PDB file of N, CA and C in Angstrom:
ATOM      1  N   MET A   1       2.351  52.880 -55.611  1.00  0.00           N
ATOM      2  CA  MET A   1       2.844  51.619 -55.074  1.00  0.00           C
ATOM      3  C   MET A   1       4.361  51.577 -55.192  1.00  0.00           C
ATOM      4  N   LYS A   2       4.931  50.838 -54.276  1.00  0.00           N
ATOM      5  CA  LYS A   2       6.374  50.704 -54.239  1.00  0.00           C
ATOM      6  C   LYS A   2       6.708  49.244 -53.953  1.00  0.00           C
ATOM      7  N   GLN A   3       7.859  48.827 -54.383  1.00  0.00           N
ATOM      8  CA  GLN A   3       8.288  47.448 -54.149  1.00  0.00           C
ATOM      9  C   GLN A   3       9.032  47.356 -52.817  1.00  0.00           C
ATOM     10  N   TYR A   4       8.502  46.513 -51.913  1.00  0.00           N
ATOM     11  CA  TYR A   4       9.086  46.338 -50.586  1.00  0.00           C
ATOM     12  C   TYR A   4       9.364  44.872 -50.312  1.00  0.00           C
ATOM     13  N   HIS A   5      10.404  44.630 -49.540  1.00  0.00           N
ATOM     14  CA  HIS A   5      10.631  43.315 -48.935  1.00  0.00           C
ATOM     15  C   HIS A   5       9.906  43.374 -47.605  1.00  0.00           C
ATOM     16  N   ILE A   6       9.148  42.319 -47.280  1.00  0.00           N
ATOM     17  CA  ILE A   6       8.323  42.337 -46.079  1.00  0.00           C
ATOM     18  C   ILE A   6       8.730  41.201 -45.153  1.00  0.00           C
ATOM     19  N   GLY A   7       8.984  41.558 -43.907  1.00  0.00           N
ATOM     20  CA  GLY A   7       9.322  40.592 -42.877  1.00  0.00           C
ATOM     21  C   GLY A   7       8.405  40.782 -41.686  1.00  0.00           C
ATOM     22  N   ILE A   8       8.134  39.696 -40.986  1.00  0.00           N
ATOM     23  CA  ILE A   8       7.237  39.770 -39.837  1.00  0.00           C
ATOM     24  C   ILE A   8       7.972  39.290 -38.589  1.00  0.00           C
ATOM     25  N   GLY A   9       7.919  40.112 -37.577  1.00  0.00           N
ATOM     26  CA  GLY A   9       8.537  39.778 -36.299  1.00  0.00           C
ATOM     27  C   GLY A   9       7.563  40.076 -35.183  1.00  0.00           C
ATOM     28  N   LYS A  10       8.065  40.066 -33.977  1.00  0.00           N
ATOM     29  CA  LYS A  10       7.200  40.412 -32.858  1.00  0.00           C
ATOM     30  C   LYS A  10       8.001  41.119 -31.787  1.00  0.00           C
ATOM     31  N   ARG A  11       7.262  41.934 -31.035  1.00  0.00           N
ATOM     32  CA  ARG A  11       7.845  42.695 -29.931  1.00  0.00           C
ATOM     33  C   ARG A  11       6.780  42.760 -28.842  1.00  0.00           C
ATOM     34  N   GLY A  12       7.020  42.044 -27.762  1.00  0.00           N
ATOM     35  CA  GLY A  12       6.022  41.979 -26.707  1.00  0.00           C
ATOM     36  C   GLY A  12       4.763  41.292 -27.213  1.00  0.00           C
ATOM     37  N   LYS A  13       3.629  41.970 -27.130  1.00  0.00           N
ATOM     38  CA  LYS A  13       2.355  41.428 -27.617  1.00  0.00           C
ATOM     39  C   LYS A  13       1.976  42.013 -28.973  1.00  0.00           C
ATOM     40  N   THR A  14       2.977  42.516 -29.704  1.00  0.00           N
ATOM     41  CA  THR A  14       2.736  43.188 -30.973  1.00  0.00           C
ATOM     42  C   THR A  14       3.446  42.476 -32.116  1.00  0.00           C
ATOM     43  N   MET A  15       2.707  42.231 -33.207  1.00  0.00           N
ATOM     44  CA  MET A  15       3.315  41.734 -34.435  1.00  0.00           C
ATOM     45  C   MET A  15       3.848  42.941 -35.199  1.00  0.00           C
ATOM     46  N   VAL A  16       5.099  42.871 -35.614  1.00  0.00           N
ATOM     47  CA  VAL A  16       5.748  43.974 -36.317  1.00  0.00           C
ATOM     48  C   VAL A  16       5.915  43.575 -37.775  1.00  0.00           C
ATOM     49  N   ILE A  17       5.294  44.346 -38.669  1.00  0.00           N
ATOM     50  CA  ILE A  17       5.421  44.135 -40.107  1.00  0.00           C
ATOM     51  C   ILE A  17       6.491  45.099 -40.591  1.00  0.00           C
ATOM     52  N   GLU A  18       7.638  44.561 -40.947  1.00  0.00           N
ATOM     53  CA  GLU A  18       8.751  45.391 -41.399  1.00  0.00           C
ATOM     54  C   GLU A  18       8.751  45.490 -42.918  1.00  0.00           C
ATOM     55  N   THR A  19       9.049  46.673 -43.421  1.00  0.00           N
ATOM     56  CA  THR A  19       9.190  46.876 -44.858  1.00  0.00           C
ATOM     57  C   THR A  19      10.560  47.490 -45.118  1.00  0.00           C
ATOM     58  N   ALA A  20      11.166  47.076 -46.214  1.00  0.00           N
ATOM     59  CA  ALA A  20      12.476  47.621 -46.588  1.00  0.00           C
ATOM     60  C   ALA A  20      12.633  47.554 -48.101  1.00  0.00           C
ATOM     61  N   SER A  21      13.359  48.499 -48.635  1.00  0.00           N
ATOM     62  CA  SER A  21      13.580  48.506 -50.081  1.00  0.00           C
ATOM     63  C   SER A  21      14.595  47.443 -50.498  1.00  0.00           C
ATOM     64  N   CYS A  22      15.398  46.982 -49.558  1.00  0.00           N
ATOM     65  CA  CYS A  22      16.390  45.932 -49.811  1.00  0.00           C
ATOM     66  C   CYS A  22      16.270  44.888 -48.700  1.00  0.00           C
ATOM     67  N   VAL A  23      16.358  43.635 -49.067  1.00  0.00           N
ATOM     68  CA  VAL A  23      16.209  42.565 -48.079  1.00  0.00           C
ATOM     69  C   VAL A  23      17.260  42.673 -46.971  1.00  0.00           C
ATOM     70  N   ASP A  24      18.405  43.224 -47.273  1.00  0.00           N
ATOM     71  CA  ASP A  24      19.473  43.379 -46.291  1.00  0.00           C
ATOM     72  C   ASP A  24      19.127  44.380 -45.185  1.00  0.00           C
ATOM     73  N   PHE A  25      18.125  45.223 -45.420  1.00  0.00           N
ATOM     74  CA  PHE A  25      17.743  46.226 -44.431  1.00  0.00           C
ATOM     75  C   PHE A  25      16.701  45.719 -43.441  1.00  0.00           C
ATOM     76  N   LEU A  26      16.184  44.512 -43.640  1.00  0.00           N
ATOM     77  CA  LEU A  26      15.243  43.936 -42.681  1.00  0.00           C
ATOM     78  C   LEU A  26      15.995  43.518 -41.422  1.00  0.00           C
ATOM     79  N   SER A  27      15.321  43.555 -40.311  1.00  0.00           N
ATOM     80  CA  SER A  27      15.902  43.135 -39.038  1.00  0.00           C
ATOM     81  C   SER A  27      16.287  41.664 -39.091  1.00  0.00           C
ATOM     82  N   CYS A  28      17.299  41.309 -38.355  1.00  0.00           N
ATOM     83  CA  CYS A  28      17.701  39.900 -38.277  1.00  0.00           C
ATOM     84  C   CYS A  28      16.798  39.126 -37.322  1.00  0.00           C
ATOM     85  N   GLU A  29      15.846  39.809 -36.684  1.00  0.00           N
ATOM     86  CA  GLU A  29      14.968  39.185 -35.702  1.00  0.00           C
ATOM     87  C   GLU A  29      13.574  38.879 -36.247  1.00  0.00           C
ATOM     88  N   ILE A  30      13.416  38.810 -37.575  1.00  0.00           N
ATOM     89  CA  ILE A  30      12.111  38.473 -38.124  1.00  0.00           C
ATOM     90  C   ILE A  30      11.892  36.965 -38.037  1.00  0.00           C
ATOM     91  N   TYR A  31      10.639  36.580 -37.909  1.00  0.00           N
ATOM     92  CA  TYR A  31      10.268  35.166 -37.850  1.00  0.00           C
ATOM     93  C   TYR A  31       9.874  34.647 -39.228  1.00  0.00           C
ATOM     94  N   ASP A  32       9.266  35.516 -40.042  1.00  0.00           N
ATOM     95  CA  ASP A  32       8.818  35.114 -41.371  1.00  0.00           C
ATOM     96  C   ASP A  32       9.171  36.186 -42.385  1.00  0.00           C
ATOM     97  N   TYR A  33       9.679  35.724 -43.523  1.00  0.00           N
ATOM     98  CA  TYR A  33       9.953  36.609 -44.646  1.00  0.00           C
ATOM     99  C   TYR A  33       8.849  36.377 -45.669  1.00  0.00           C
ATOM    100  N   MET A  34       8.124  37.428 -46.006  1.00  0.00           N
ATOM    101  CA  MET A  34       6.969  37.300 -46.886  1.00  0.00           C
ATOM    102  C   MET A  34       7.301  37.574 -48.350  1.00  0.00           C
ATOM    103  N   GLY A  35       8.538  37.911 -48.632  1.00  0.00           N
ATOM    104  CA  GLY A  35       8.943  38.130 -50.017  1.00  0.00           C
ATOM    105  C   GLY A  35       8.906  39.589 -50.412  1.00  0.00           C
ATOM    106  N   GLU A  36       9.084  39.796 -51.694  1.00  0.00           N
ATOM    107  CA  GLU A  36       9.094  41.135 -52.268  1.00  0.00           C
ATOM    108  C   GLU A  36       7.728  41.379 -52.900  1.00  0.00           C
ATOM    109  N   ARG A  37       7.099  42.479 -52.533  1.00  0.00           N
ATOM    110  CA  ARG A  37       5.732  42.751 -52.981  1.00  0.00           C
ATOM    111  C   ARG A  37       5.584  44.201 -53.436  1.00  0.00           C
ATOM    112  N   MET A  38       4.686  44.400 -54.381  1.00  0.00           N
ATOM    113  CA  MET A  38       4.293  45.747 -54.787  1.00  0.00           C
ATOM    114  C   MET A  38       3.115  46.139 -53.898  1.00  0.00           C
ATOM    115  N   VAL A  39       3.351  47.071 -52.982  1.00  0.00           N
ATOM    116  CA  VAL A  39       2.333  47.427 -52.001  1.00  0.00           C
ATOM    117  C   VAL A  39       2.641  48.810 -51.452  1.00  0.00           C
ATOM    118  N   THR A  40       1.660  49.411 -50.812  1.00  0.00           N
ATOM    119  CA  THR A  40       1.905  50.674 -50.115  1.00  0.00           C
ATOM    120  C   THR A  40       1.873  50.415 -48.611  1.00  0.00           C
ATOM    121  N   LYS A  41       2.548  51.256 -47.874  1.00  0.00           N
ATOM    122  CA  LYS A  41       2.520  51.127 -46.415  1.00  0.00           C
ATOM    123  C   LYS A  41       1.118  51.405 -45.877  1.00  0.00           C
ATOM    124  N   LYS A  42       0.375  52.269 -46.548  1.00  0.00           N
ATOM    125  CA  LYS A  42      -0.999  52.544 -46.136  1.00  0.00           C
ATOM    126  C   LYS A  42      -1.840  51.279 -46.251  1.00  0.00           C
ATOM    127  N   HIS A  43      -1.686  50.549 -47.338  1.00  0.00           N
ATOM    128  CA  HIS A  43      -2.435  49.295 -47.511  1.00  0.00           C
ATOM    129  C   HIS A  43      -2.064  48.293 -46.417  1.00  0.00           C
ATOM    130  N   LEU A  44      -0.771  48.155 -46.143  1.00  0.00           N
ATOM    131  CA  LEU A  44      -0.345  47.249 -45.073  1.00  0.00           C
ATOM    132  C   LEU A  44      -0.921  47.675 -43.728  1.00  0.00           C
ATOM    133  N   ASN A  45      -0.916  48.979 -43.478  1.00  0.00           N
ATOM    134  CA  ASN A  45      -1.450  49.489 -42.221  1.00  0.00           C
ATOM    135  C   ASN A  45      -2.957  49.220 -42.118  1.00  0.00           C
ATOM    136  N   ASP A  46      -3.672  49.392 -43.225  1.00  0.00           N
ATOM    137  CA  ASP A  46      -5.120  49.173 -43.228  1.00  0.00           C
ATOM    138  C   ASP A  46      -5.489  47.709 -42.981  1.00  0.00           C
ATOM    139  N   CYS A  47      -4.658  46.775 -43.438  1.00  0.00           N
ATOM    140  CA  CYS A  47      -5.008  45.352 -43.303  1.00  0.00           C
ATOM    141  C   CYS A  47      -4.092  44.609 -42.326  1.00  0.00           C
ATOM    142  N   ARG A  48      -3.462  45.339 -41.414  1.00  0.00           N
ATOM    143  CA  ARG A  48      -2.516  44.714 -40.494  1.00  0.00           C
ATOM    144  C   ARG A  48      -3.173  43.713 -39.553  1.00  0.00           C
ATOM    145  N   TYR A  49      -4.410  43.972 -39.138  1.00  0.00           N
ATOM    146  CA  TYR A  49      -5.077  43.027 -38.235  1.00  0.00           C
ATOM    147  C   TYR A  49      -5.581  41.788 -38.978  1.00  0.00           C
ATOM    148  N   ASP A  50      -5.894  41.926 -40.255  1.00  0.00           N
ATOM    149  CA  ASP A  50      -6.207  40.746 -41.071  1.00  0.00           C
ATOM    150  C   ASP A  50      -4.976  39.863 -41.183  1.00  0.00           C
ATOM    151  N   LEU A  51      -3.831  40.480 -41.410  1.00  0.00           N
ATOM    152  CA  LEU A  51      -2.584  39.726 -41.492  1.00  0.00           C
ATOM    153  C   LEU A  51      -2.253  39.074 -40.155  1.00  0.00           C
ATOM    154  N   LEU A  52      -2.504  39.778 -39.053  1.00  0.00           N
ATOM    155  CA  LEU A  52      -2.281  39.189 -37.730  1.00  0.00           C
ATOM    156  C   LEU A  52      -3.144  37.939 -37.558  1.00  0.00           C
ATOM    157  N   SER A  53      -4.406  38.013 -37.943  1.00  0.00           N
ATOM    158  CA  SER A  53      -5.295  36.842 -37.843  1.00  0.00           C
ATOM    159  C   SER A  53      -4.786  35.679 -38.678  1.00  0.00           C
ATOM    160  N   LYS A  54      -4.338  35.973 -39.889  1.00  0.00           N
ATOM    161  CA  LYS A  54      -3.812  34.916 -40.768  1.00  0.00           C
ATOM    162  C   LYS A  54      -2.547  34.293 -40.188  1.00  0.00           C
ATOM    163  N   MET A  55      -1.684  35.114 -39.625  1.00  0.00           N
ATOM    164  CA  MET A  55      -0.438  34.590 -39.065  1.00  0.00           C
ATOM    165  C   MET A  55      -0.704  33.804 -37.784  1.00  0.00           C
ATOM    166  N   LYS A  56      -1.703  34.200 -37.006  1.00  0.00           N
ATOM    167  CA  LYS A  56      -2.080  33.426 -35.819  1.00  0.00           C
ATOM    168  C   LYS A  56      -2.559  32.033 -36.223  1.00  0.00           C
ATOM    169  N   TYR A  57      -3.289  31.952 -37.322  1.00  0.00           N
ATOM    170  CA  TYR A  57      -3.778  30.669 -37.812  1.00  0.00           C
ATOM    171  C   TYR A  57      -2.631  29.833 -38.386  1.00  0.00           C
ATOM    172  N   ARG A  58      -1.761  30.500 -39.151  1.00  0.00           N
ATOM    173  CA  ARG A  58      -0.659  29.801 -39.828  1.00  0.00           C
ATOM    174  C   ARG A  58       0.412  29.314 -38.861  1.00  0.00           C
ATOM    175  N   ARG A  59       0.763  30.139 -37.884  1.00  0.00           N
ATOM    176  CA  ARG A  59       1.822  29.796 -36.927  1.00  0.00           C
ATOM    177  C   ARG A  59       1.403  30.170 -35.517  1.00  0.00           C
ATOM    178  N   PRO A  60       0.467  29.420 -34.948  1.00  0.00           N
ATOM    179  CA  PRO A  60      -0.036  29.769 -33.607  1.00  0.00           C
ATOM    180  C   PRO A  60       1.034  29.704 -32.522  1.00  0.00           C
ATOM    181  N   ASP A  61       2.054  28.882 -32.716  1.00  0.00           N
ATOM    182  CA  ASP A  61       3.133  28.791 -31.731  1.00  0.00           C
ATOM    183  C   ASP A  61       3.936  30.084 -31.638  1.00  0.00           C
ATOM    184  N   VAL A  62       4.008  30.838 -32.718  1.00  0.00           N
ATOM    185  CA  VAL A  62       4.776  32.091 -32.740  1.00  0.00           C
ATOM    186  C   VAL A  62       3.886  33.297 -32.478  1.00  0.00           C
ATOM    187  N   TYR A  63       2.733  33.369 -33.149  1.00  0.00           N
ATOM    188  CA  TYR A  63       1.908  34.580 -33.126  1.00  0.00           C
ATOM    189  C   TYR A  63       0.638  34.445 -32.293  1.00  0.00           C
ATOM    190  N   GLY A  64       0.388  33.302 -31.696  1.00  0.00           N
ATOM    191  CA  GLY A  64      -0.879  33.043 -30.996  1.00  0.00           C
ATOM    192  C   GLY A  64      -1.204  34.006 -29.880  1.00  0.00           C
ATOM    193  N   GLY A  65      -0.228  34.477 -29.118  1.00  0.00           N
ATOM    194  CA  GLY A  65      -0.494  35.349 -27.975  1.00  0.00           C
ATOM    195  C   GLY A  65      -0.467  36.827 -28.279  1.00  0.00           C
ATOM    196  N   LEU A  66      -0.350  37.206 -29.547  1.00  0.00           N
ATOM    197  CA  LEU A  66      -0.231  38.618 -29.902  1.00  0.00           C
ATOM    198  C   LEU A  66      -1.599  39.283 -30.025  1.00  0.00           C
ATOM    199  N   LYS A  67      -1.663  40.563 -29.665  1.00  0.00           N
ATOM    200  CA  LYS A  67      -2.918  41.310 -29.707  1.00  0.00           C
ATOM    201  C   LYS A  67      -2.890  42.493 -30.652  1.00  0.00           C
ATOM    202  N   TYR A  68      -1.713  43.011 -30.947  1.00  0.00           N
ATOM    203  CA  TYR A  68      -1.590  44.243 -31.713  1.00  0.00           C
ATOM    204  C   TYR A  68      -0.725  44.006 -32.955  1.00  0.00           C
ATOM    205  N   ALA A  69      -0.805  44.944 -33.897  1.00  0.00           N
ATOM    206  CA  ALA A  69       0.020  44.869 -35.103  1.00  0.00           C
ATOM    207  C   ALA A  69       0.409  46.275 -35.532  1.00  0.00           C
ATOM    208  N   VAL A  70       1.664  46.438 -35.937  1.00  0.00           N
ATOM    209  CA  VAL A  70       2.157  47.719 -36.428  1.00  0.00           C
ATOM    210  C   VAL A  70       2.960  47.496 -37.701  1.00  0.00           C
ATOM    211  N   VAL A  71       3.056  48.560 -38.490  1.00  0.00           N
ATOM    212  CA  VAL A  71       3.868  48.543 -39.711  1.00  0.00           C
ATOM    213  C   VAL A  71       5.032  49.482 -39.501  1.00  0.00           C
ATOM    214  N   GLU A  72       6.226  48.996 -39.774  1.00  0.00           N
ATOM    215  CA  GLU A  72       7.425  49.844 -39.650  1.00  0.00           C
ATOM    216  C   GLU A  72       8.154  49.900 -40.968  1.00  0.00           C
TER     217      GLU A  72
END
């Protein structure tokens, strides 16, 4: 496991889960900052569609029309 700062953005019909070792390395185009977490990229990749479902429920105005999810 590694400590990552996690931000969520979108590109087209895809939710983009960004990870960075420093908060300054996240894109300025993220919609939500999820904080600093101890996680692996494999775990994020495995549960990316669960996170997409949760974000669609939490912020349907932003994520409602998205169909795909990727981890970067």
